Amino acid sequence: MKPEEYTDITYEVDNGLAWITINRPDRYNAFRARTVDELVHAFKSAWADDGVGVLALTGAGEKAFCSGGDQKQRMETGDYGPSETGLFEVEALHRVIRDVPKPVIAAVNGIAIGGGHVLHVLADLTIAADTASFGQNGPRVGSFDAGLGSSYLARVVGEKRAREIWFMLRRITPEEALDWGLVNRVVPAAELKDEVRKWADTMLDYSPTALQVLKQSFNTDTEHMVSIGNMAFSTLKLFGESD
């Protein structure tokens, strides 16, 4: 797979900053299996590129960062569609966001809900537009993320607020997200990409080796949550296929 073959995302490198954009605005940038394959490939391409020092993940359009798994696709085919391996590689996507040895900024330009919310939580930094909103949706539709999407979320915002996000399922405003430590900065929507550029340029001036080791050091304390997440996905599959 090459970037020019992508159908669901776009990939662009601009002066050390790799922009990875989920490009399915008609589906609120929900991901199907192919989308996830392309995201994993793009993150690994940025990992391998010595000309890239910072990665930014965002969504196309003004309405959505990512609304999680594509439920219309599931209704149409019963699954998330075909993938290169035959697997729905969302765990690999979570893994590569953590493992890529370069800072990842989530540029949240709209709704970040469900599996899309988890993606921004796993990013190293989140910069949000003042039009963004945040939250989970799983229990409303008989689903859950009992791995990084909940346990790591509790590290980010604290136990009480993480449980509120998952148990109450209300939308979190950008102002609340900033107050809770769920995001690093909120800016007017028109300034989002410029703000990401500023943060990236700051980090690009620093030692990439130091940033790499720091990221890996931060990850060490929560690495056990990955195996819990594996069990959670196994349980979700069993649960989802049951009566």
Protein backbone atom coordinates (compact mmCIF):
# COMPACT_ATOMS: atom_id res chain seq x y z
CA MET A 1 0.00 0.00 0.00
CA LYS A 2 1.16 3.50 -0.88
CA PRO A 3 -0.26 6.85 0.29
CA GLU A 4 -1.54 7.55 -3.21
CA GLU A 5 -3.63 4.37 -2.93
CA TYR A 6 -5.43 5.53 0.20
CA THR A 7 -9.19 5.87 -0.20
CA ASP A 8 -10.27 6.58 3.38
CA ILE A 9 -7.51 8.88 4.65
CA THR A 10 -5.05 11.43 3.37
CA TYR A 11 -1.38 11.69 4.29
CA GLU A 12 0.80 14.76 3.91
CA VAL A 13 4.22 15.70 5.28
CA ASP A 14 4.89 19.40 5.74
CA ASN A 15 8.22 20.54 7.21
CA GLY A 16 8.61 17.70 9.69
CA LEU A 17 4.90 17.43 10.54
CA ALA A 18 2.91 14.48 9.14
CA TRP A 19 -0.81 15.19 8.80
CA ILE A 20 -2.94 12.02 8.90
CA THR A 21 -6.56 12.90 8.09
CA ILE A 22 -9.53 10.55 8.25
CA ASN A 23 -11.29 11.44 5.01
CA ARG A 24 -14.84 10.11 5.34
CA PRO A 25 -16.80 13.25 6.21
CA ASP A 26 -20.02 11.75 4.79
CA ARG A 27 -19.78 9.15 7.58
CA TYR A 28 -18.63 11.64 10.23
CA ASN A 29 -15.14 10.20 9.73
CA ALA A 30 -16.20 6.85 11.18
CA PHE A 31 -13.71 4.09 10.48
CA ARG A 32 -14.30 0.84 8.64
CA ALA A 33 -11.68 -1.91 8.41
CA ARG A 34 -9.95 -0.34 5.41
CA THR A 35 -9.75 3.00 7.21
CA VAL A 36 -7.98 1.36 10.11
CA ASP A 37 -5.57 -0.45 7.76
CA GLU A 38 -4.69 2.85 6.10
CA LEU A 39 -4.25 4.63 9.44
CA VAL A 40 -1.87 1.96 10.70
CA HIS A 41 0.08 2.14 7.43
CA ALA A 42 0.28 5.95 7.60
CA PHE A 43 1.50 5.95 11.20
CA LYS A 44 4.19 3.42 10.29
CA SER A 45 5.18 5.44 7.23
CA ALA A 46 5.65 8.49 9.45
CA TRP A 47 7.59 6.33 11.93
CA ALA A 48 9.99 5.21 9.19
CA ASP A 49 10.44 8.70 7.71
CA ASP A 50 13.43 10.48 9.24
CA GLY A 51 12.00 13.72 7.87
CA VAL A 52 9.00 13.43 10.20
CA GLY A 53 9.34 14.48 13.82
CA VAL A 54 5.71 15.03 14.86
CA LEU A 55 2.43 13.46 13.73
CA ALA A 56 -1.02 15.07 13.73
CA LEU A 57 -4.25 13.07 13.50
CA THR A 58 -7.44 14.88 12.46
CA GLY A 59 -10.68 14.49 10.53
CA ALA A 60 -11.81 15.96 7.23
CA GLY A 61 -14.46 18.66 7.23
CA GLU A 62 -15.78 20.72 10.11
CA LYS A 63 -18.22 18.34 11.81
CA ALA A 64 -16.20 15.37 13.01
CA PHE A 65 -12.77 14.31 14.20
CA CYS A 66 -13.91 10.67 14.32
CA SER A 67 -17.21 9.10 15.33
CA GLY A 68 -15.78 5.63 15.97
CA GLY A 69 -16.61 2.43 14.15
CA ASP A 70 -18.79 2.75 11.05
CA GLN A 71 -22.16 1.42 12.23
CA LYS A 72 -23.73 1.92 8.79
CA GLN A 73 -21.08 -0.43 7.40
CA ARG A 74 -21.94 -2.98 10.07
CA MET A 75 -25.64 -2.72 9.24
CA GLU A 76 -24.87 -3.16 5.54
CA THR A 77 -22.48 -6.13 5.76
CA GLY A 78 -22.58 -7.37 9.36
CA ASP A 79 -18.98 -6.35 9.93
CA TYR A 80 -16.56 -3.47 9.31
CA GLY A 81 -15.83 -4.61 5.77
CA PRO A 82 -12.74 -6.25 4.25
CA SER A 83 -9.23 -5.65 5.51
CA GLU A 84 -5.80 -6.62 4.24
CA THR A 85 -5.33 -9.33 6.88
CA GLY A 86 -8.93 -10.35 7.44
CA LEU A 87 -8.72 -8.84 10.92
CA PHE A 88 -10.28 -5.62 12.17
CA GLU A 89 -6.97 -4.03 13.22
CA VAL A 90 -8.20 -1.38 15.67
CA GLU A 91 -5.98 -2.80 18.43
CA ALA A 92 -2.99 -2.42 16.08
CA LEU A 93 -4.02 1.20 15.54
CA HIS A 94 -4.10 1.83 19.30
CA ARG A 95 -0.73 0.12 19.55
CA VAL A 96 0.97 2.19 16.83
CA ILE A 97 -0.29 5.51 18.24
CA ARG A 98 1.47 4.58 21.47
CA ASP A 99 4.50 2.92 19.89
CA VAL A 100 5.45 5.43 17.19
CA PRO A 101 8.53 7.04 18.80
CA LYS A 102 7.44 10.58 17.94
CA PRO A 103 4.85 12.87 19.55
CA VAL A 104 1.30 12.43 18.24
CA ILE A 105 -1.08 15.40 18.38
CA ALA A 106 -4.83 14.85 18.03
CA ALA A 107 -6.30 17.89 16.29
CA VAL A 108 -9.95 17.52 17.28
CA ASN A 109 -11.95 19.55 14.78
CA GLY A 110 -15.45 18.29 15.66
CA ILE A 111 -17.10 15.39 17.43
CA ALA A 112 -14.79 12.79 18.99
CA ILE A 113 -17.17 10.04 20.04
CA GLY A 114 -16.86 6.33 20.83
CA GLY A 115 -13.85 4.73 19.18
CA GLY A 116 -12.94 8.17 17.84
CA HIS A 117 -12.78 9.51 21.38
CA VAL A 118 -10.38 6.70 22.30
CA LEU A 119 -8.04 7.72 19.46
CA HIS A 120 -7.66 11.26 20.81
CA VAL A 121 -7.23 9.96 24.36
CA LEU A 122 -4.33 7.77 23.22
CA ALA A 123 -2.60 10.62 21.41
CA ASP A 124 0.22 12.26 23.36
CA LEU A 125 -1.39 15.70 23.14
CA THR A 126 -4.83 17.00 22.15
CA ILE A 127 -5.59 20.42 20.71
CA ALA A 128 -9.31 21.01 20.24
CA ALA A 129 -11.38 23.44 18.25
CA ASP A 130 -13.99 25.36 20.20
CA THR A 131 -16.56 23.47 18.10
CA ALA A 132 -15.38 20.04 19.30
CA SER A 133 -17.28 17.69 21.59
CA PHE A 134 -16.19 14.55 23.38
CA GLY A 135 -17.70 11.39 24.80
CA GLN A 136 -18.33 7.67 24.67
CA ASN A 137 -21.35 5.81 23.33
CA GLY A 138 -20.74 2.11 23.96
CA PRO A 139 -23.25 1.16 26.66
CA ARG A 140 -26.00 2.89 24.67
CA VAL A 141 -25.53 0.27 21.93
CA GLY A 142 -24.29 -2.67 23.99
CA SER A 143 -20.60 -2.07 23.47
CA PHE A 144 -17.57 -1.06 25.52
CA ASP A 145 -13.84 -0.41 25.52
CA ALA A 146 -12.67 -1.99 28.74
CA GLY A 147 -9.00 -1.56 27.86
CA LEU A 148 -7.02 1.59 27.17
CA GLY A 149 -10.22 3.47 26.34
CA SER A 150 -11.33 3.25 29.96
CA SER A 151 -8.35 2.45 32.19
CA TYR A 152 -5.97 4.87 30.47
CA LEU A 153 -8.74 7.45 30.30
CA ALA A 154 -8.90 7.26 34.10
CA ARG A 155 -5.21 8.12 34.24
CA VAL A 156 -5.89 11.15 32.06
CA VAL A 157 -8.94 12.62 33.82
CA GLY A 158 -9.19 10.71 37.10
CA GLU A 159 -11.42 7.83 38.14
CA LYS A 160 -14.61 9.76 38.92
CA ARG A 161 -14.64 11.67 35.67
CA ALA A 162 -13.70 8.63 33.58
CA ARG A 163 -16.60 6.72 35.11
CA GLU A 164 -18.90 9.67 34.45
CA ILE A 165 -17.84 9.69 30.78
CA TRP A 166 -18.61 5.97 30.42
CA PHE A 167 -21.65 5.65 32.70
CA MET A 168 -23.52 8.86 31.80
CA LEU A 169 -22.62 9.10 28.07
CA ARG A 170 -23.20 12.83 27.85
CA ARG A 171 -21.24 15.06 25.50
CA ILE A 172 -18.31 16.89 27.06
CA THR A 173 -17.75 20.48 25.90
CA PRO A 174 -14.30 21.77 24.94
CA GLU A 175 -14.29 23.97 28.06
CA GLU A 176 -15.05 21.00 30.32
CA ALA A 177 -12.47 18.89 28.48
CA LEU A 178 -9.83 21.55 29.13
CA ASP A 179 -10.82 21.83 32.78
CA TRP A 180 -10.68 18.04 33.19
CA GLY A 181 -7.27 17.68 31.55
CA LEU A 182 -8.77 15.75 28.65
CA VAL A 183 -7.28 18.25 26.19
CA ASN A 184 -4.22 20.51 26.30
CA ARG A 185 -5.57 23.58 24.51
CA VAL A 186 -8.81 24.90 23.01
CA VAL A 187 -8.66 27.37 20.11
CA PRO A 188 -11.12 28.84 17.61
CA ALA A 189 -11.82 26.32 14.86
CA ALA A 190 -10.20 28.52 12.21
CA GLU A 191 -6.94 28.51 14.19
CA LEU A 192 -6.70 24.77 14.90
CA LYS A 193 -4.19 23.82 12.21
CA ASP A 194 -2.02 26.86 12.92
CA GLU A 195 -1.94 25.97 16.62
CA VAL A 196 -0.92 22.39 15.83
CA ARG A 197 1.82 23.82 13.60
CA LYS A 198 3.12 25.96 16.47
CA TRP A 199 3.22 23.03 18.88
CA ALA A 200 4.90 20.83 16.28
CA ASP A 201 7.54 23.47 15.48
CA THR A 202 8.35 23.80 19.18
CA MET A 203 8.92 20.05 19.53
CA LEU A 204 10.81 19.83 16.24
CA ASP A 205 13.45 22.11 17.75
CA TYR A 206 14.18 19.55 20.47
CA SER A 207 16.16 16.32 20.51
CA PRO A 208 14.11 13.60 18.79
CA THR A 209 15.95 10.96 20.80
CA ALA A 210 15.03 12.66 24.06
CA LEU A 211 11.38 12.90 22.99
CA GLN A 212 11.38 9.25 21.93
CA VAL A 213 12.75 8.01 25.26
CA LEU A 214 10.40 10.29 27.19
CA LYS A 215 7.38 8.94 25.29
CA GLN A 216 8.48 5.37 25.93
CA SER A 217 9.04 6.20 29.60
CA PHE A 218 5.54 7.66 29.93
CA ASN A 219 4.10 4.55 28.24
CA THR A 220 5.85 2.12 30.58
CA ASP A 221 3.57 2.87 33.51
CA THR A 222 0.41 1.97 31.57
CA GLU A 223 1.70 -0.84 29.35
CA HIS A 224 -0.15 -3.51 31.35
CA MET A 225 -3.40 -1.91 30.20
CA VAL A 226 -2.72 -3.15 26.67
CA SER A 227 -3.10 -6.80 27.70
CA ILE A 228 -6.27 -5.93 29.60
CA GLY A 229 -7.50 -4.33 26.39
CA ASN A 230 -6.77 -7.55 24.49
CA MET A 231 -9.01 -9.45 26.93
CA ALA A 232 -11.66 -6.76 26.61
CA PHE A 233 -11.74 -7.04 22.81
CA SER A 234 -11.99 -10.84 23.10
CA THR A 235 -14.90 -10.43 25.52
CA LEU A 236 -16.57 -7.83 23.30
CA LYS A 237 -16.40 -10.21 20.33
CA LEU A 238 -17.96 -13.05 22.34
CA PHE A 239 -20.58 -10.73 23.78
CA GLY A 240 -21.39 -9.10 20.44
CA GLU A 241 -21.92 -12.45 18.73
CA SER A 242 -24.20 -13.80 21.44
CA ASP A 243 -28.01 -13.59 21.63
